[in-house]
Amino acid sequence: VITYGDSVKGRFTISRDRGRNAVDLQMDS
């Protein structure tokens, strides 16, 4: 389940990478 702050909705994307044990944040615009 994903939740975004109002100010970043539609611009940022959170994702997980099981192989790297990582959580990434793609920030656009």
mmCIF file of all heavy atoms, coordinates in Angstrom:
data_MODEL
# 
_entry.id   MODEL 
# 
loop_
_atom_site.group_PDB 
_atom_site.id 
_atom_site.type_symbol 
_atom_site.label_atom_id 
_atom_site.label_alt_id 
_atom_site.label_comp_id 
_atom_site.label_asym_id 
_atom_site.label_entity_id 
_atom_site.label_seq_id 
_atom_site.pdbx_PDB_ins_code 
_atom_site.Cartn_x 
_atom_site.Cartn_y 
_atom_site.Cartn_z 
_atom_site.occupancy 
_atom_site.B_iso_or_equiv 
_atom_site.pdbx_formal_charge 
_atom_site.auth_seq_id 
_atom_site.auth_comp_id 
_atom_site.auth_asym_id 
_atom_site.auth_atom_id 
_atom_site.pdbx_PDB_model_num 
ATOM 1   N N   . VAL A 1 1  ? 0.849  -1.186  0.000   1.00 0.00 ? 1  VAL A N   1 
ATOM 2   C CA  . VAL A 1 1  ? 0.000  0.000   0.000   1.00 0.00 ? 1  VAL A CA  1 
ATOM 3   C C   . VAL A 1 1  ? 0.891  1.244   0.000   1.00 0.00 ? 1  VAL A C   1 
ATOM 4   O O   . VAL A 1 1  ? 1.773  1.381   0.843   1.00 0.00 ? 1  VAL A O   1 
ATOM 5   C CB  . VAL A 1 1  ? -0.936 0.015   1.224   1.00 0.00 ? 1  VAL A CB  1 
ATOM 6   C CG1 . VAL A 1 1  ? -1.754 1.303   1.246   1.00 0.00 ? 1  VAL A CG1 1 
ATOM 7   C CG2 . VAL A 1 1  ? -1.845 -1.207  1.200   1.00 0.00 ? 1  VAL A CG2 1 
ATOM 8   N N   . ILE A 1 2  ? 0.641  2.130   -0.922  1.00 0.00 ? 2  ILE A N   1 
ATOM 9   C CA  . ILE A 1 2  ? 1.481  3.323   -1.098  1.00 0.00 ? 2  ILE A CA  1 
ATOM 10  C C   . ILE A 1 2  ? 0.710  4.574   -0.708  1.00 0.00 ? 2  ILE A C   1 
ATOM 11  O O   . ILE A 1 2  ? -0.482 4.722   -1.039  1.00 0.00 ? 2  ILE A O   1 
ATOM 12  C CB  . ILE A 1 2  ? 1.958  3.427   -2.557  1.00 0.00 ? 2  ILE A CB  1 
ATOM 13  C CG1 . ILE A 1 2  ? 2.935  2.289   -2.880  1.00 0.00 ? 2  ILE A CG1 1 
ATOM 14  C CG2 . ILE A 1 2  ? 2.626  4.778   -2.807  1.00 0.00 ? 2  ILE A CG2 1 
ATOM 15  C CD1 . ILE A 1 2  ? 3.358  2.225   -4.331  1.00 0.00 ? 2  ILE A CD1 1 
ATOM 16  N N   . THR A 1 3  ? 1.395  5.463   -0.021  1.00 0.00 ? 3  THR A N   1 
ATOM 17  C CA  . THR A 1 3  ? 0.848  6.771   0.334   1.00 0.00 ? 3  THR A CA  1 
ATOM 18  C C   . THR A 1 3  ? 1.835  7.845   -0.089  1.00 0.00 ? 3  THR A C   1 
ATOM 19  O O   . THR A 1 3  ? 3.037  7.713   0.155   1.00 0.00 ? 3  THR A O   1 
ATOM 20  C CB  . THR A 1 3  ? 0.612  6.876   1.853   1.00 0.00 ? 3  THR A CB  1 
ATOM 21  O OG1 . THR A 1 3  ? -0.262 5.817   2.270   1.00 0.00 ? 3  THR A OG1 1 
ATOM 22  C CG2 . THR A 1 3  ? -0.007 8.210   2.213   1.00 0.00 ? 3  THR A CG2 1 
ATOM 23  N N   . TYR A 1 4  ? 1.331  8.903   -0.698  1.00 0.00 ? 4  TYR A N   1 
ATOM 24  C CA  . TYR A 1 4  ? 2.164  10.039  -1.099  1.00 0.00 ? 4  TYR A CA  1 
ATOM 25  C C   . TYR A 1 4  ? 1.720  11.293  -0.354  1.00 0.00 ? 4  TYR A C   1 
ATOM 26  O O   . TYR A 1 4  ? 0.532  11.489  -0.085  1.00 0.00 ? 4  TYR A O   1 
ATOM 27  C CB  . TYR A 1 4  ? 2.046  10.311  -2.596  1.00 0.00 ? 4  TYR A CB  1 
ATOM 28  C CG  . TYR A 1 4  ? 2.683  9.254   -3.474  1.00 0.00 ? 4  TYR A CG  1 
ATOM 29  C CD1 . TYR A 1 4  ? 1.902  8.310   -4.140  1.00 0.00 ? 4  TYR A CD1 1 
ATOM 30  C CD2 . TYR A 1 4  ? 4.064  9.186   -3.632  1.00 0.00 ? 4  TYR A CD2 1 
ATOM 31  C CE1 . TYR A 1 4  ? 2.478  7.332   -4.945  1.00 0.00 ? 4  TYR A CE1 1 
ATOM 32  C CE2 . TYR A 1 4  ? 4.649  8.217   -4.431  1.00 0.00 ? 4  TYR A CE2 1 
ATOM 33  C CZ  . TYR A 1 4  ? 3.852  7.298   -5.084  1.00 0.00 ? 4  TYR A CZ  1 
ATOM 34  O OH  . TYR A 1 4  ? 4.430  6.333   -5.872  1.00 0.00 ? 4  TYR A OH  1 
ATOM 35  N N   . GLY A 1 5  ? 2.678  12.160  -0.070  1.00 0.00 ? 5  GLY A N   1 
ATOM 36  C CA  . GLY A 1 5  ? 2.330  13.470  0.436   1.00 0.00 ? 5  GLY A CA  1 
ATOM 37  C C   . GLY A 1 5  ? 1.639  14.263  -0.659  1.00 0.00 ? 5  GLY A C   1 
ATOM 38  O O   . GLY A 1 5  ? 1.925  14.087  -1.847  1.00 0.00 ? 5  GLY A O   1 
ATOM 39  N N   . ASP A 1 6  ? 0.745  15.155  -0.271  1.00 0.00 ? 6  ASP A N   1 
ATOM 40  C CA  . ASP A 1 6  ? -0.043 15.888  -1.259  1.00 0.00 ? 6  ASP A CA  1 
ATOM 41  C C   . ASP A 1 6  ? 0.831  16.679  -2.225  1.00 0.00 ? 6  ASP A C   1 
ATOM 42  O O   . ASP A 1 6  ? 0.504  16.792  -3.412  1.00 0.00 ? 6  ASP A O   1 
ATOM 43  C CB  . ASP A 1 6  ? -1.018 16.840  -0.550  1.00 0.00 ? 6  ASP A CB  1 
ATOM 44  C CG  . ASP A 1 6  ? -2.150 16.103  0.130   1.00 0.00 ? 6  ASP A CG  1 
ATOM 45  O OD1 . ASP A 1 6  ? -2.401 14.933  -0.228  1.00 0.00 ? 6  ASP A OD1 1 
ATOM 46  O OD2 . ASP A 1 6  ? -2.780 16.684  1.028   1.00 0.00 ? 6  ASP A OD2 1 
ATOM 47  N N   . SER A 1 7  ? 1.928  17.208  -1.739  1.00 0.00 ? 7  SER A N   1 
ATOM 48  C CA  . SER A 1 7  ? 2.744  18.087  -2.574  1.00 0.00 ? 7  SER A CA  1 
ATOM 49  C C   . SER A 1 7  ? 3.548  17.344  -3.638  1.00 0.00 ? 7  SER A C   1 
ATOM 50  O O   . SER A 1 7  ? 4.093  17.979  -4.550  1.00 0.00 ? 7  SER A O   1 
ATOM 51  C CB  . SER A 1 7  ? 3.697  18.900  -1.698  1.00 0.00 ? 7  SER A CB  1 
ATOM 52  O OG  . SER A 1 7  ? 4.561  18.046  -0.987  1.00 0.00 ? 7  SER A OG  1 
ATOM 53  N N   . VAL A 1 8  ? 3.620  16.022  -3.560  1.00 0.00 ? 8  VAL A N   1 
ATOM 54  C CA  . VAL A 1 8  ? 4.426  15.272  -4.529  1.00 0.00 ? 8  VAL A CA  1 
ATOM 55  C C   . VAL A 1 8  ? 3.597  14.331  -5.392  1.00 0.00 ? 8  VAL A C   1 
ATOM 56  O O   . VAL A 1 8  ? 4.135  13.684  -6.294  1.00 0.00 ? 8  VAL A O   1 
ATOM 57  C CB  . VAL A 1 8  ? 5.547  14.469  -3.841  1.00 0.00 ? 8  VAL A CB  1 
ATOM 58  C CG1 . VAL A 1 8  ? 6.386  15.383  -2.944  1.00 0.00 ? 8  VAL A CG1 1 
ATOM 59  C CG2 . VAL A 1 8  ? 5.006  13.292  -3.053  1.00 0.00 ? 8  VAL A CG2 1 
ATOM 60  N N   . LYS A 1 9  ? 2.315  14.232  -5.135  1.00 0.00 ? 9  LYS A N   1 
ATOM 61  C CA  . LYS A 1 9  ? 1.459  13.326  -5.909  1.00 0.00 ? 9  LYS A CA  1 
ATOM 62  C C   . LYS A 1 9  ? 1.534  13.648  -7.396  1.00 0.00 ? 9  LYS A C   1 
ATOM 63  O O   . LYS A 1 9  ? 1.475  14.803  -7.802  1.00 0.00 ? 9  LYS A O   1 
ATOM 64  C CB  . LYS A 1 9  ? 0.009  13.438  -5.427  1.00 0.00 ? 9  LYS A CB  1 
ATOM 65  C CG  . LYS A 1 9  ? -0.247 12.769  -4.096  1.00 0.00 ? 9  LYS A CG  1 
ATOM 66  C CD  . LYS A 1 9  ? -1.710 12.923  -3.671  1.00 0.00 ? 9  LYS A CD  1 
ATOM 67  C CE  . LYS A 1 9  ? -1.956 12.276  -2.327  1.00 0.00 ? 9  LYS A CE  1 
ATOM 68  N NZ  . LYS A 1 9  ? -3.341 12.490  -1.857  1.00 0.00 ? 9  LYS A NZ  1 
ATOM 69  N N   . GLY A 1 10 ? 1.700  12.602  -8.181  1.00 0.00 ? 10 GLY A N   1 
ATOM 70  C CA  . GLY A 1 10 ? 1.767  12.772  -9.629  1.00 0.00 ? 10 GLY A CA  1 
ATOM 71  C C   . GLY A 1 10 ? 3.157  13.100  -10.144 1.00 0.00 ? 10 GLY A C   1 
ATOM 72  O O   . GLY A 1 10 ? 3.382  13.100  -11.355 1.00 0.00 ? 10 GLY A O   1 
ATOM 73  N N   . ARG A 1 11 ? 4.093  13.378  -9.239  1.00 0.00 ? 11 ARG A N   1 
ATOM 74  C CA  . ARG A 1 11 ? 5.461  13.720  -9.660  1.00 0.00 ? 11 ARG A CA  1 
ATOM 75  C C   . ARG A 1 11 ? 6.496  12.718  -9.150  1.00 0.00 ? 11 ARG A C   1 
ATOM 76  O O   . ARG A 1 11 ? 7.506  12.487  -9.815  1.00 0.00 ? 11 ARG A O   1 
ATOM 77  C CB  . ARG A 1 11 ? 5.835  15.119  -9.169  1.00 0.00 ? 11 ARG A CB  1 
ATOM 78  C CG  . ARG A 1 11 ? 4.936  16.222  -9.688  1.00 0.00 ? 11 ARG A CG  1 
ATOM 79  C CD  . ARG A 1 11 ? 5.465  17.596  -9.295  1.00 0.00 ? 11 ARG A CD  1 
ATOM 80  N NE  . ARG A 1 11 ? 5.513  17.802  -7.857  1.00 0.00 ? 11 ARG A NE  1 
ATOM 81  C CZ  . ARG A 1 11 ? 6.614  18.098  -7.172  1.00 0.00 ? 11 ARG A CZ  1 
ATOM 82  N NH1 . ARG A 1 11 ? 7.764  18.228  -7.808  1.00 0.00 ? 11 ARG A NH1 1 
ATOM 83  N NH2 . ARG A 1 11 ? 6.557  18.274  -5.862  1.00 0.00 ? 11 ARG A NH2 1 
ATOM 84  N N   . PHE A 1 12 ? 6.267  12.156  -7.985  1.00 0.00 ? 12 PHE A N   1 
ATOM 85  C CA  . PHE A 1 12 ? 7.208  11.221  -7.362  1.00 0.00 ? 12 PHE A CA  1 
ATOM 86  C C   . PHE A 1 12 ? 6.628  9.814   -7.386  1.00 0.00 ? 12 PHE A C   1 
ATOM 87  O O   . PHE A 1 12 ? 5.405  9.629   -7.288  1.00 0.00 ? 12 PHE A O   1 
ATOM 88  C CB  . PHE A 1 12 ? 7.485  11.617  -5.920  1.00 0.00 ? 12 PHE A CB  1 
ATOM 89  C CG  . PHE A 1 12 ? 8.265  12.891  -5.737  1.00 0.00 ? 12 PHE A CG  1 
ATOM 90  C CD1 . PHE A 1 12 ? 8.521  13.756  -6.789  1.00 0.00 ? 12 PHE A CD1 1 
ATOM 91  C CD2 . PHE A 1 12 ? 8.759  13.212  -4.474  1.00 0.00 ? 12 PHE A CD2 1 
ATOM 92  C CE1 . PHE A 1 12 ? 9.247  14.918  -6.607  1.00 0.00 ? 12 PHE A CE1 1 
ATOM 93  C CE2 . PHE A 1 12 ? 9.486  14.374  -4.265  1.00 0.00 ? 12 PHE A CE2 1 
ATOM 94  C CZ  . PHE A 1 12 ? 9.717  15.232  -5.333  1.00 0.00 ? 12 PHE A CZ  1 
ATOM 95  N N   . THR A 1 13 ? 7.523  8.832   -7.477  1.00 0.00 ? 13 THR A N   1 
ATOM 96  C CA  . THR A 1 13 ? 7.106  7.430   -7.472  1.00 0.00 ? 13 THR A CA  1 
ATOM 97  C C   . THR A 1 13 ? 8.019  6.637   -6.549  1.00 0.00 ? 13 THR A C   1 
ATOM 98  O O   . THR A 1 13 ? 9.246  6.679   -6.712  1.00 0.00 ? 13 THR A O   1 
ATOM 99  C CB  . THR A 1 13 ? 7.163  6.835   -8.883  1.00 0.00 ? 13 THR A CB  1 
ATOM 100 O OG1 . THR A 1 13 ? 6.369  7.617   -9.780  1.00 0.00 ? 13 THR A OG1 1 
ATOM 101 C CG2 . THR A 1 13 ? 6.643  5.400   -8.877  1.00 0.00 ? 13 THR A CG2 1 
ATOM 102 N N   . ILE A 1 14 ? 7.423  5.907   -5.626  1.00 0.00 ? 14 ILE A N   1 
ATOM 103 C CA  . ILE A 1 14 ? 8.191  5.053   -4.720  1.00 0.00 ? 14 ILE A CA  1 
ATOM 104 C C   . ILE A 1 14 ? 8.103  3.618   -5.223  1.00 0.00 ? 14 ILE A C   1 
ATOM 105 O O   . ILE A 1 14 ? 7.061  3.187   -5.737  1.00 0.00 ? 14 ILE A O   1 
ATOM 106 C CB  . ILE A 1 14 ? 7.672  5.175   -3.274  1.00 0.00 ? 14 ILE A CB  1 
ATOM 107 C CG1 . ILE A 1 14 ? 8.618  4.478   -2.298  1.00 0.00 ? 14 ILE A CG1 1 
ATOM 108 C CG2 . ILE A 1 14 ? 6.249  4.637   -3.134  1.00 0.00 ? 14 ILE A CG2 1 
ATOM 109 C CD1 . ILE A 1 14 ? 8.294  4.758   -0.822  1.00 0.00 ? 14 ILE A CD1 1 
ATOM 110 N N   . SER A 1 15 ? 9.206  2.887   -5.076  1.00 0.00 ? 15 SER A N   1 
ATOM 111 C CA  . SER A 1 15 ? 9.215  1.494   -5.512  1.00 0.00 ? 15 SER A CA  1 
ATOM 112 C C   . SER A 1 15 ? 10.188 0.705   -4.652  1.00 0.00 ? 15 SER A C   1 
ATOM 113 O O   . SER A 1 15 ? 11.026 1.279   -3.950  1.00 0.00 ? 15 SER A O   1 
ATOM 114 C CB  . SER A 1 15 ? 9.611  1.391   -6.987  1.00 0.00 ? 15 SER A CB  1 
ATOM 115 O OG  . SER A 1 15 ? 10.912 1.916   -7.194  1.00 0.00 ? 15 SER A OG  1 
ATOM 116 N N   . ARG A 1 16 ? 10.070 -0.621  -4.715  1.00 0.00 ? 16 ARG A N   1 
ATOM 117 C CA  . ARG A 1 16 ? 10.936 -1.504  -3.947  1.00 0.00 ? 16 ARG A CA  1 
ATOM 118 C C   . ARG A 1 16 ? 11.736 -2.397  -4.881  1.00 0.00 ? 16 ARG A C   1 
ATOM 119 O O   . ARG A 1 16 ? 11.276 -2.767  -5.956  1.00 0.00 ? 16 ARG A O   1 
ATOM 120 C CB  . ARG A 1 16 ? 10.105 -2.397  -3.011  1.00 0.00 ? 16 ARG A CB  1 
ATOM 121 C CG  . ARG A 1 16 ? 9.401  -1.680  -1.923  1.00 0.00 ? 16 ARG A CG  1 
ATOM 122 C CD  . ARG A 1 16 ? 8.585  -2.620  -1.068  1.00 0.00 ? 16 ARG A CD  1 
ATOM 123 N NE  . ARG A 1 16 ? 7.483  -3.237  -1.781  1.00 0.00 ? 16 ARG A NE  1 
ATOM 124 C CZ  . ARG A 1 16 ? 6.464  -3.855  -1.187  1.00 0.00 ? 16 ARG A CZ  1 
ATOM 125 N NH1 . ARG A 1 16 ? 6.457  -3.939  0.149   1.00 0.00 ? 16 ARG A NH1 1 
ATOM 126 N NH2 . ARG A 1 16 ? 5.499  -4.407  -1.887  1.00 0.00 ? 16 ARG A NH2 1 
ATOM 127 N N   . ASP A 1 17 ? 12.922 -2.746  -4.433  1.00 0.00 ? 17 ASP A N   1 
ATOM 128 C CA  . ASP A 1 17 ? 13.778 -3.675  -5.172  1.00 0.00 ? 17 ASP A CA  1 
ATOM 129 C C   . ASP A 1 17 ? 14.212 -4.760  -4.199  1.00 0.00 ? 17 ASP A C   1 
ATOM 130 O O   . ASP A 1 17 ? 15.101 -4.557  -3.377  1.00 0.00 ? 17 ASP A O   1 
ATOM 131 C CB  . ASP A 1 17 ? 14.986 -2.923  -5.745  1.00 0.00 ? 17 ASP A CB  1 
ATOM 132 C CG  . ASP A 1 17 ? 15.830 -3.797  -6.638  1.00 0.00 ? 17 ASP A CG  1 
ATOM 133 O OD1 . ASP A 1 17 ? 15.945 -5.019  -6.383  1.00 0.00 ? 17 ASP A OD1 1 
ATOM 134 O OD2 . ASP A 1 17 ? 16.408 -3.280  -7.606  1.00 0.00 ? 17 ASP A OD2 1 
ATOM 135 N N   . ARG A 1 18 ? 13.566 -5.927  -4.296  1.00 0.00 ? 18 ARG A N   1 
ATOM 136 C CA  . ARG A 1 18 ? 13.845 -7.009  -3.352  1.00 0.00 ? 18 ARG A CA  1 
ATOM 137 C C   . ARG A 1 18 ? 15.294 -7.460  -3.438  1.00 0.00 ? 18 ARG A C   1 
ATOM 138 O O   . ARG A 1 18 ? 15.933 -7.746  -2.430  1.00 0.00 ? 18 ARG A O   1 
ATOM 139 C CB  . ARG A 1 18 ? 12.918 -8.187  -3.637  1.00 0.00 ? 18 ARG A CB  1 
ATOM 140 C CG  . ARG A 1 18 ? 13.087 -9.364  -2.680  1.00 0.00 ? 18 ARG A CG  1 
ATOM 141 C CD  . ARG A 1 18 ? 12.319 -10.579 -3.171  1.00 0.00 ? 18 ARG A CD  1 
ATOM 142 N NE  . ARG A 1 18 ? 10.891 -10.389 -3.148  1.00 0.00 ? 18 ARG A NE  1 
ATOM 143 C CZ  . ARG A 1 18 ? 10.113 -10.762 -2.133  1.00 0.00 ? 18 ARG A CZ  1 
ATOM 144 N NH1 . ARG A 1 18 ? 10.646 -11.312 -1.063  1.00 0.00 ? 18 ARG A NH1 1 
ATOM 145 N NH2 . ARG A 1 18 ? 8.805  -10.580 -2.199  1.00 0.00 ? 18 ARG A NH2 1 
ATOM 146 N N   . GLY A 1 19 ? 15.835 -7.527  -4.644  1.00 0.00 ? 19 GLY A N   1 
ATOM 147 C CA  . GLY A 1 19 ? 17.200 -8.015  -4.823  1.00 0.00 ? 19 GLY A CA  1 
ATOM 148 C C   . GLY A 1 19 ? 18.244 -7.129  -4.167  1.00 0.00 ? 19 GLY A C   1 
ATOM 149 O O   . GLY A 1 19 ? 19.268 -7.614  -3.679  1.00 0.00 ? 19 GLY A O   1 
ATOM 150 N N   . ARG A 1 20 ? 17.986 -5.832  -4.152  1.00 0.00 ? 20 ARG A N   1 
ATOM 151 C CA  . ARG A 1 20 ? 18.932 -4.884  -3.553  1.00 0.00 ? 20 ARG A CA  1 
ATOM 152 C C   . ARG A 1 20 ? 18.576 -4.548  -2.124  1.00 0.00 ? 20 ARG A C   1 
ATOM 153 O O   . ARG A 1 20 ? 19.306 -3.791  -1.476  1.00 0.00 ? 20 ARG A O   1 
ATOM 154 C CB  . ARG A 1 20 ? 18.946 -3.589  -4.383  1.00 0.00 ? 20 ARG A CB  1 
ATOM 155 C CG  . ARG A 1 20 ? 19.560 -3.731  -5.761  1.00 0.00 ? 20 ARG A CG  1 
ATOM 156 C CD  . ARG A 1 20 ? 19.257 -2.515  -6.626  1.00 0.00 ? 20 ARG A CD  1 
ATOM 157 N NE  . ARG A 1 20 ? 19.484 -1.272  -5.930  1.00 0.00 ? 20 ARG A NE  1 
ATOM 158 C CZ  . ARG A 1 20 ? 18.596 -0.274  -5.836  1.00 0.00 ? 20 ARG A CZ  1 
ATOM 159 N NH1 . ARG A 1 20 ? 17.421 -0.382  -6.432  1.00 0.00 ? 20 ARG A NH1 1 
ATOM 160 N NH2 . ARG A 1 20 ? 18.880 0.841   -5.187  1.00 0.00 ? 20 ARG A NH2 1 
ATOM 161 N N   . ASN A 1 21 ? 17.452 -5.074  -1.616  1.00 0.00 ? 21 ASN A N   1 
ATOM 162 C CA  . ASN A 1 21 ? 16.945 -4.658  -0.296  1.00 0.00 ? 21 ASN A CA  1 
ATOM 163 C C   . ASN A 1 21 ? 16.853 -3.141  -0.237  1.00 0.00 ? 21 ASN A C   1 
ATOM 164 O O   . ASN A 1 21 ? 17.338 -2.494  0.698   1.00 0.00 ? 21 ASN A O   1 
ATOM 165 C CB  . ASN A 1 21 ? 17.830 -5.176  0.846   1.00 0.00 ? 21 ASN A CB  1 
ATOM 166 C CG  . ASN A 1 21 ? 17.531 -6.619  1.175   1.00 0.00 ? 21 ASN A CG  1 
ATOM 167 O OD1 . ASN A 1 21 ? 16.377 -7.042  1.176   1.00 0.00 ? 21 ASN A OD1 1 
ATOM 168 N ND2 . ASN A 1 21 ? 18.571 -7.384  1.448   1.00 0.00 ? 21 ASN A ND2 1 
ATOM 169 N N   . ALA A 1 22 ? 16.217 -2.579  -1.244  1.00 0.00 ? 22 ALA A N   1 
ATOM 170 C CA  . ALA A 1 22 ? 16.199 -1.123  -1.382  1.00 0.00 ? 22 ALA A CA  1 
ATOM 171 C C   . ALA A 1 22 ? 14.801 -0.599  -1.661  1.00 0.00 ? 22 ALA A C   1 
ATOM 172 O O   . ALA A 1 22 ? 13.948 -1.303  -2.203  1.00 0.00 ? 22 ALA A O   1 
ATOM 173 C CB  . ALA A 1 22 ? 17.134 -0.696  -2.510  1.00 0.00 ? 22 ALA A CB  1 
ATOM 174 N N   . VAL A 1 23 ? 14.600 0.629   -1.268  1.00 0.00 ? 23 VAL A N   1 
ATOM 175 C CA  . VAL A 1 23 ? 13.405 1.386   -1.632  1.00 0.00 ? 23 VAL A CA  1 
ATOM 176 C C   . VAL A 1 23 ? 13.879 2.628   -2.378  1.00 0.00 ? 23 VAL A C   1 
ATOM 177 O O   . VAL A 1 23 ? 14.759 3.344   -1.886  1.00 0.00 ? 23 VAL A O   1 
ATOM 178 C CB  . VAL A 1 23 ? 12.584 1.787   -0.392  1.00 0.00 ? 23 VAL A CB  1 
ATOM 179 C CG1 . VAL A 1 23 ? 11.439 2.717   -0.802  1.00 0.00 ? 23 VAL A CG1 1 
ATOM 180 C CG2 . VAL A 1 23 ? 12.025 0.560   0.287   1.00 0.00 ? 23 VAL A CG2 1 
ATOM 181 N N   . ASP A 1 24 ? 13.341 2.832   -3.551  1.00 0.00 ? 24 ASP A N   1 
ATOM 182 C CA  . ASP A 1 24 ? 13.762 3.942   -4.393  1.00 0.00 ? 24 ASP A CA  1 
ATOM 183 C C   . ASP A 1 24 ? 12.671 5.003   -4.485  1.00 0.00 ? 24 ASP A C   1 
ATOM 184 O O   . ASP A 1 24 ? 11.488 4.710   -4.342  1.00 0.00 ? 24 ASP A O   1 
ATOM 185 C CB  . ASP A 1 24 ? 14.079 3.432   -5.796  1.00 0.00 ? 24 ASP A CB  1 
ATOM 186 C CG  . ASP A 1 24 ? 15.210 2.417   -5.793  1.00 0.00 ? 24 ASP A CG  1 
ATOM 187 O OD1 . ASP A 1 24 ? 16.148 2.578   -4.989  1.00 0.00 ? 24 ASP A OD1 1 
ATOM 188 O OD2 . ASP A 1 24 ? 15.148 1.455   -6.581  1.00 0.00 ? 24 ASP A OD2 1 
ATOM 189 N N   . LEU A 1 25 ? 13.100 6.218   -4.755  1.00 0.00 ? 25 LEU A N   1 
ATOM 190 C CA  . LEU A 1 25 ? 12.163 7.324   -4.947  1.00 0.00 ? 25 LEU A CA  1 
ATOM 191 C C   . LEU A 1 25 ? 12.538 8.042   -6.237  1.00 0.00 ? 25 LEU A C   1 
ATOM 192 O O   . LEU A 1 25 ? 13.579 8.703   -6.307  1.00 0.00 ? 25 LEU A O   1 
ATOM 193 C CB  . LEU A 1 25 ? 12.215 8.292   -3.763  1.00 0.00 ? 25 LEU A CB  1 
ATOM 194 C CG  . LEU A 1 25 ? 11.210 9.432   -3.814  1.00 0.00 ? 25 LEU A CG  1 
ATOM 195 C CD1 . LEU A 1 25 ? 9.781  8.889   -3.610  1.00 0.00 ? 25 LEU A CD1 1 
ATOM 196 C CD2 . LEU A 1 25 ? 11.526 10.473  -2.754  1.00 0.00 ? 25 LEU A CD2 1 
ATOM 197 N N   . GLN A 1 26 ? 11.718 7.891   -7.249  1.00 0.00 ? 26 GLN A N   1 
ATOM 198 C CA  . GLN A 1 26 ? 11.904 8.597   -8.502  1.00 0.00 ? 26 GLN A CA  1 
ATOM 199 C C   . GLN A 1 26 ? 11.208 9.940   -8.407  1.00 0.00 ? 26 GLN A C   1 
ATOM 200 O O   . GLN A 1 26 ? 9.997  9.989   -8.169  1.00 0.00 ? 26 GLN A O   1 
ATOM 201 C CB  . GLN A 1 26 ? 11.332 7.787   -9.671  1.00 0.00 ? 26 GLN A CB  1 
ATOM 202 C CG  . GLN A 1 26 ? 11.429 8.479   -11.018 1.00 0.00 ? 26 GLN A CG  1 
ATOM 203 C CD  . GLN A 1 26 ? 12.863 8.671   -11.476 1.00 0.00 ? 26 GLN A CD  1 
ATOM 204 O OE1 . GLN A 1 26 ? 13.711 7.803   -11.275 1.00 0.00 ? 26 GLN A OE1 1 
ATOM 205 N NE2 . GLN A 1 26 ? 13.150 9.818   -12.083 1.00 0.00 ? 26 GLN A NE2 1 
ATOM 206 N N   . MET A 1 27 ? 11.961 11.003  -8.600  1.00 0.00 ? 27 MET A N   1 
ATOM 207 C CA  . MET A 1 27 ? 11.427 12.344  -8.449  1.00 0.00 ? 27 MET A CA  1 
ATOM 208 C C   . MET A 1 27 ? 11.500 13.058  -9.798  1.00 0.00 ? 27 MET A C   1 
ATOM 209 O O   . MET A 1 27 ? 12.599 13.311  -10.302 1.00 0.00 ? 27 MET A O   1 
ATOM 210 C CB  . MET A 1 27 ? 12.206 13.126  -7.386  1.00 0.00 ? 27 MET A CB  1 
ATOM 211 C CG  . MET A 1 27 ? 12.286 12.411  -6.048  1.00 0.00 ? 27 MET A CG  1 
ATOM 212 S SD  . MET A 1 27 ? 13.044 13.401  -4.749  1.00 0.00 ? 27 MET A SD  1 
ATOM 213 C CE  . MET A 1 27 ? 14.707 13.563  -5.392  1.00 0.00 ? 27 MET A CE  1 
ATOM 214 N N   . ASP A 1 28 ? 10.367 13.377  -10.358 1.00 0.00 ? 28 ASP A N   1 
ATOM 215 C CA  . ASP A 1 28 ? 10.283 14.058  -11.642 1.00 0.00 ? 28 ASP A CA  1 
ATOM 216 C C   . ASP A 1 28 ? 9.630  15.426  -11.478 1.00 0.00 ? 28 ASP A C   1 
ATOM 217 O O   . ASP A 1 28 ? 8.989  15.698  -10.465 1.00 0.00 ? 28 ASP A O   1 
ATOM 218 C CB  . ASP A 1 28 ? 9.474  13.209  -12.634 1.00 0.00 ? 28 ASP A CB  1 
ATOM 219 C CG  . ASP A 1 28 ? 10.111 11.866  -12.913 1.00 0.00 ? 28 ASP A CG  1 
ATOM 220 O OD1 . ASP A 1 28 ? 11.337 11.824  -13.091 1.00 0.00 ? 28 ASP A OD1 1 
ATOM 221 O OD2 . ASP A 1 28 ? 9.370  10.857  -12.962 1.00 0.00 ? 28 ASP A OD2 1 
ATOM 222 N N   . SER A 1 29 ? 9.797  16.251  -12.485 1.00 0.00 ? 29 SER A N   1 
ATOM 223 C CA  . SER A 1 29 ? 9.195  17.600  -12.470 1.00 0.00 ? 29 SER A CA  1 
ATOM 224 C C   . SER A 1 29 ? 9.522  18.321  -11.168 1.00 0.00 ? 29 SER A C   1 
ATOM 225 O O   . SER A 1 29 ? 8.642  18.892  -10.516 1.00 0.00 ? 29 SER A O   1 
ATOM 226 C CB  . SER A 1 29 ? 7.679  17.505  -12.665 1.00 0.00 ? 29 SER A CB  1 
ATOM 227 O OG  . SER A 1 29 ? 7.356  16.867  -13.879 1.00 0.00 ? 29 SER A OG  1 
# 
